[in-house]
């Protein structure tokens, strides 16, 4: 009796059919709606594109009043900025100035050229830094003691420019400045003092020029014919 031999399909055939069935039965992913177009700034080679930021520039200060004022009037006004006559005459004699920047640059140059005698003259006209209104008595005592220690060491009044600080910060800045600068030797403190005077003069000069610009100068009365 003959027997029929059944041969099984190779394992690879079953795997192939299984993979095919799996692919055909896979549910397609749901379709998405239209995507919004992203808003991007143009890309520049080697740079990150950023929007240009413009800050409002302050209106320039006019120097007409300062430039045209009589020499005596300007000299007296400049002495409120710096008590060095060399500094004052140099600025007054070089008028007119085209703009505030040119005037401040000239003021800096004149301050850098002050001799030790000029510096002593300017310091003699300086006064102690006033305390803000409402300062308590202990603050007056501490500040007076600090000023006395400074003047005993260096022989002149302590000067510091406080234009970058609020009135409420003035006392702390003065006390910290005195304590720090007491460690200087004479030459170091001379350089520091000269630079503080220069900065003080710049701030005062800027306010002075604005005052000249804002003051309305009376027109001359017409002469009778």
Protein backbone atom coordinates (compact mmCIF):
# COMPACT_ATOMS: atom_id res chain seq x y z
CA UNK A 1 0.00 0.00 0.00
CA UNK A 2 1.46 3.21 -1.11
CA UNK A 3 1.56 6.14 1.24
CA UNK A 4 1.36 9.78 0.29
CA UNK A 5 3.99 12.00 1.75
CA UNK A 6 2.92 15.52 2.68
CA UNK A 7 5.64 18.13 2.72
CA UNK A 8 5.20 21.30 4.76
CA UNK A 9 5.94 24.71 3.25
CA UNK A 10 9.18 26.32 4.28
CA UNK A 11 9.06 28.52 7.34
CA UNK A 12 10.03 31.51 5.23
CA UNK A 13 6.78 31.21 3.21
CA UNK A 14 4.62 31.33 6.35
CA UNK A 15 6.50 34.37 7.65
CA UNK A 16 6.16 36.14 4.31
CA UNK A 17 2.40 35.51 4.22
CA UNK A 18 2.06 36.70 7.79
CA UNK A 19 3.91 39.93 7.10
CA UNK A 20 1.83 40.51 3.98
CA UNK A 21 -1.40 39.97 5.91
CA UNK A 22 -0.19 42.34 8.63
CA UNK A 23 0.60 45.09 6.12
CA UNK A 24 -2.70 44.79 4.30
CA UNK A 25 -4.71 44.82 7.51
CA UNK A 26 -2.94 47.88 8.99
CA UNK A 27 -5.35 50.78 9.50
CA UNK A 28 -4.10 53.93 7.77
CA UNK A 29 -3.45 56.88 10.12
CA UNK A 30 -6.13 59.57 10.26
CA UNK A 31 -5.58 62.49 7.94
CA UNK A 32 -4.68 65.74 9.57
CA UNK A 33 -6.16 69.04 8.67
CA UNK A 34 -4.11 71.70 6.98
CA UNK A 35 -1.29 73.06 9.10
CA UNK A 36 -0.80 76.75 9.63
CA UNK A 37 2.13 78.33 7.94
CA UNK A 38 4.73 79.26 10.51
CA UNK A 39 5.85 82.87 10.52
CA UNK A 40 9.61 83.05 10.54
CA UNK A 41 12.05 85.84 10.06
CA UNK A 42 14.36 85.50 7.06
CA UNK A 43 17.49 83.56 7.87
CA UNK A 44 20.79 85.15 7.05
CA UNK A 45 23.95 83.15 6.45
CA UNK A 46 25.80 82.74 9.71
CA UNK A 47 23.44 85.06 11.59
CA UNK A 48 20.27 84.92 13.59
CA UNK A 49 17.73 87.33 12.20
CA UNK A 50 16.36 89.64 14.88
CA UNK A 51 14.00 92.56 14.48
CA UNK A 52 15.71 95.92 14.64
CA UNK A 53 15.10 97.67 17.95
CA UNK A 54 15.13 101.43 17.94
CA UNK A 55 15.17 103.50 21.11
CA UNK A 56 13.86 107.01 21.21
CA UNK A 57 16.78 109.41 21.18
CA UNK A 58 16.57 112.49 23.38
CA UNK A 59 16.26 115.76 21.55
CA UNK A 60 19.62 117.51 21.22
CA UNK A 61 20.39 120.37 23.57
CA UNK A 62 20.76 123.67 21.76
CA UNK A 63 23.85 125.67 22.66
CA UNK A 64 22.76 128.97 21.13
CA UNK A 65 22.22 130.62 24.50
CA UNK A 66 25.47 129.33 25.97
CA UNK A 67 27.49 130.25 22.89
CA UNK A 68 26.07 133.76 22.55
CA UNK A 69 25.96 134.79 26.22
CA UNK A 70 28.40 137.48 27.39
CA UNK A 71 31.77 136.19 28.55
CA UNK A 72 31.31 137.46 32.08
CA UNK A 73 27.97 135.71 32.43
CA UNK A 74 29.34 132.44 31.09
CA UNK A 75 32.42 132.67 33.34
CA UNK A 76 30.31 133.10 36.45
CA UNK A 77 28.08 130.22 35.40
CA UNK A 78 31.01 127.91 34.67
CA UNK A 79 32.49 128.58 38.11
CA UNK A 80 29.46 126.76 39.55
CA UNK A 81 30.61 123.67 37.65
CA UNK A 82 34.29 123.76 38.55
CA UNK A 83 36.22 126.31 40.64
CA UNK A 84 39.38 126.12 38.56
CA UNK A 85 39.86 129.40 36.69
CA UNK A 86 42.00 127.66 34.08
CA UNK A 87 39.17 125.22 33.35
CA UNK A 88 36.58 128.01 33.23
CA UNK A 89 38.52 130.34 30.93
CA UNK A 90 39.45 127.52 28.59
CA UNK A 91 35.84 126.55 28.03
CA UNK A 92 34.60 130.12 27.74
CA UNK A 93 37.33 131.18 25.32
CA UNK A 94 36.76 128.28 22.92
CA UNK A 95 33.13 129.05 22.18
CA UNK A 96 31.11 128.45 20.06
CA UNK A 97 30.58 124.70 20.39
CA UNK A 98 28.54 122.84 17.75
CA UNK A 99 26.82 120.49 20.19
CA UNK A 100 26.76 119.24 23.76
CA UNK A 101 29.10 116.34 23.01
CA UNK A 102 31.78 118.71 21.76
CA UNK A 103 31.41 120.89 24.85
CA UNK A 104 31.67 117.91 27.21
CA UNK A 105 34.71 116.61 25.35
CA UNK A 106 36.37 120.01 25.74
CA UNK A 107 35.48 120.00 29.44
CA UNK A 108 37.07 116.57 29.89
CA UNK A 109 40.22 117.66 28.07
CA UNK A 110 40.49 120.79 30.22
CA UNK A 111 40.02 118.69 33.37
CA UNK A 112 42.76 116.26 32.35
CA UNK A 113 45.15 119.19 31.88
CA UNK A 114 44.68 120.60 35.39
CA UNK A 115 47.91 120.97 37.35
CA UNK A 116 48.12 120.06 41.06
CA UNK A 117 47.70 123.76 41.85
CA UNK A 118 44.60 123.95 39.62
CA UNK A 119 43.21 120.87 41.31
CA UNK A 120 43.79 122.40 44.77
CA UNK A 121 42.02 125.57 43.61
CA UNK A 122 39.03 123.55 42.39
CA UNK A 123 38.87 121.52 45.60
CA UNK A 124 38.94 124.66 47.73
CA UNK A 125 35.62 125.64 46.16
CA UNK A 126 33.91 122.33 46.83
CA UNK A 127 31.62 121.74 49.80
CA UNK A 128 30.64 118.62 51.69
CA UNK A 129 28.10 116.31 50.08
CA UNK A 130 24.70 117.26 51.54
CA UNK A 131 22.60 114.60 53.21
CA UNK A 132 19.13 113.85 51.85
CA UNK A 133 16.17 115.39 53.61
CA UNK A 134 14.99 113.40 56.59
CA UNK A 135 18.34 111.78 57.37
CA UNK A 136 18.52 110.70 61.00
CA UNK A 137 21.00 112.19 63.47
CA UNK A 138 23.16 109.07 63.58
CA UNK A 139 23.74 109.46 59.83
CA UNK A 140 24.98 113.02 60.36
CA UNK A 141 27.35 111.80 63.06
CA UNK A 142 28.71 108.96 60.93
CA UNK A 143 29.17 111.20 57.89
CA UNK A 144 30.88 113.96 59.89
CA UNK A 145 33.31 111.45 61.40
CA UNK A 146 34.07 109.96 57.98
CA UNK A 147 34.69 113.40 56.43
CA UNK A 148 36.97 114.37 59.32
CA UNK A 149 39.02 111.19 58.91
CA UNK A 150 39.35 111.78 55.18
CA UNK A 151 40.37 115.43 55.47
CA UNK A 152 42.88 114.56 58.19
CA UNK A 153 44.55 112.05 55.87
CA UNK A 154 44.47 113.89 52.53
CA UNK A 155 44.14 117.56 53.50
CA UNK A 156 41.12 118.43 51.36
CA UNK A 157 37.39 117.86 51.16
CA UNK A 158 36.05 114.53 49.92
CA UNK A 159 34.39 114.75 46.49
CA UNK A 160 32.35 112.12 44.72
CA UNK A 161 29.97 112.21 41.75
CA UNK A 162 26.55 110.82 42.64
CA UNK A 163 24.77 111.49 39.34
CA UNK A 164 24.14 107.78 38.80
CA UNK A 165 22.47 107.26 42.18
CA UNK A 166 19.17 108.26 43.72
CA UNK A 167 19.08 110.72 46.65
CA UNK A 168 18.23 107.86 48.96
CA UNK A 169 21.44 106.08 48.03
CA UNK A 170 23.69 109.12 48.52
CA UNK A 171 24.58 108.53 52.16
CA UNK A 172 25.60 104.90 51.67
CA UNK A 173 27.65 105.78 48.59
CA UNK A 174 29.49 108.60 50.35
CA UNK A 175 30.29 106.50 53.42
CA UNK A 176 31.39 103.53 51.31
CA UNK A 177 33.47 105.81 49.10
CA UNK A 178 35.28 107.44 52.02
CA UNK A 179 36.04 104.13 53.71
CA UNK A 180 37.33 102.64 50.46
CA UNK A 181 39.45 105.62 49.47
CA UNK A 182 41.02 106.02 52.90
CA UNK A 183 43.17 103.04 51.91
CA UNK A 184 44.66 104.97 48.95
CA UNK A 185 48.05 106.59 49.07
CA UNK A 186 48.40 110.27 48.22
CA UNK A 187 49.01 109.78 44.49
CA UNK A 188 46.21 107.25 44.07
CA UNK A 189 43.76 109.56 45.81
CA UNK A 190 44.90 112.57 43.76
CA UNK A 191 44.07 110.67 40.55
CA UNK A 192 40.73 109.47 41.92
CA UNK A 193 39.79 112.92 43.18
CA UNK A 194 40.67 114.55 39.84
CA UNK A 195 38.44 112.06 38.00
CA UNK A 196 35.54 112.60 40.41
CA UNK A 197 35.88 116.37 39.89
CA UNK A 198 35.84 115.83 36.13
CA UNK A 199 32.63 113.77 36.37
CA UNK A 200 31.05 116.33 38.69
CA UNK A 201 31.88 119.11 36.24
CA UNK A 202 30.34 117.15 33.34
CA UNK A 203 27.04 116.68 35.14
CA UNK A 204 26.88 120.28 36.31
CA UNK A 205 27.82 121.56 32.86
CA UNK A 206 25.08 119.51 31.21
CA UNK A 207 22.47 120.96 33.57
CA UNK A 208 23.88 124.45 33.07
CA UNK A 209 23.63 124.29 29.28
CA UNK A 210 20.04 123.09 29.53
CA UNK A 211 19.30 126.02 31.81
CA UNK A 212 20.74 128.41 29.21
CA UNK A 213 18.63 126.71 26.54
CA UNK A 214 15.39 126.95 28.53
CA UNK A 215 15.76 130.50 29.69
CA UNK A 216 14.08 132.92 27.34
CA UNK A 217 16.49 135.71 26.57
CA UNK A 218 14.65 139.05 26.24
CA UNK A 219 14.83 140.62 22.82
CA UNK A 220 16.49 143.99 22.51
CA UNK A 221 14.12 146.93 22.37
CA UNK A 222 14.13 148.71 19.01
CA UNK A 223 16.07 151.94 18.97
CA UNK A 224 14.09 155.10 18.25
CA UNK A 225 14.77 156.55 14.84
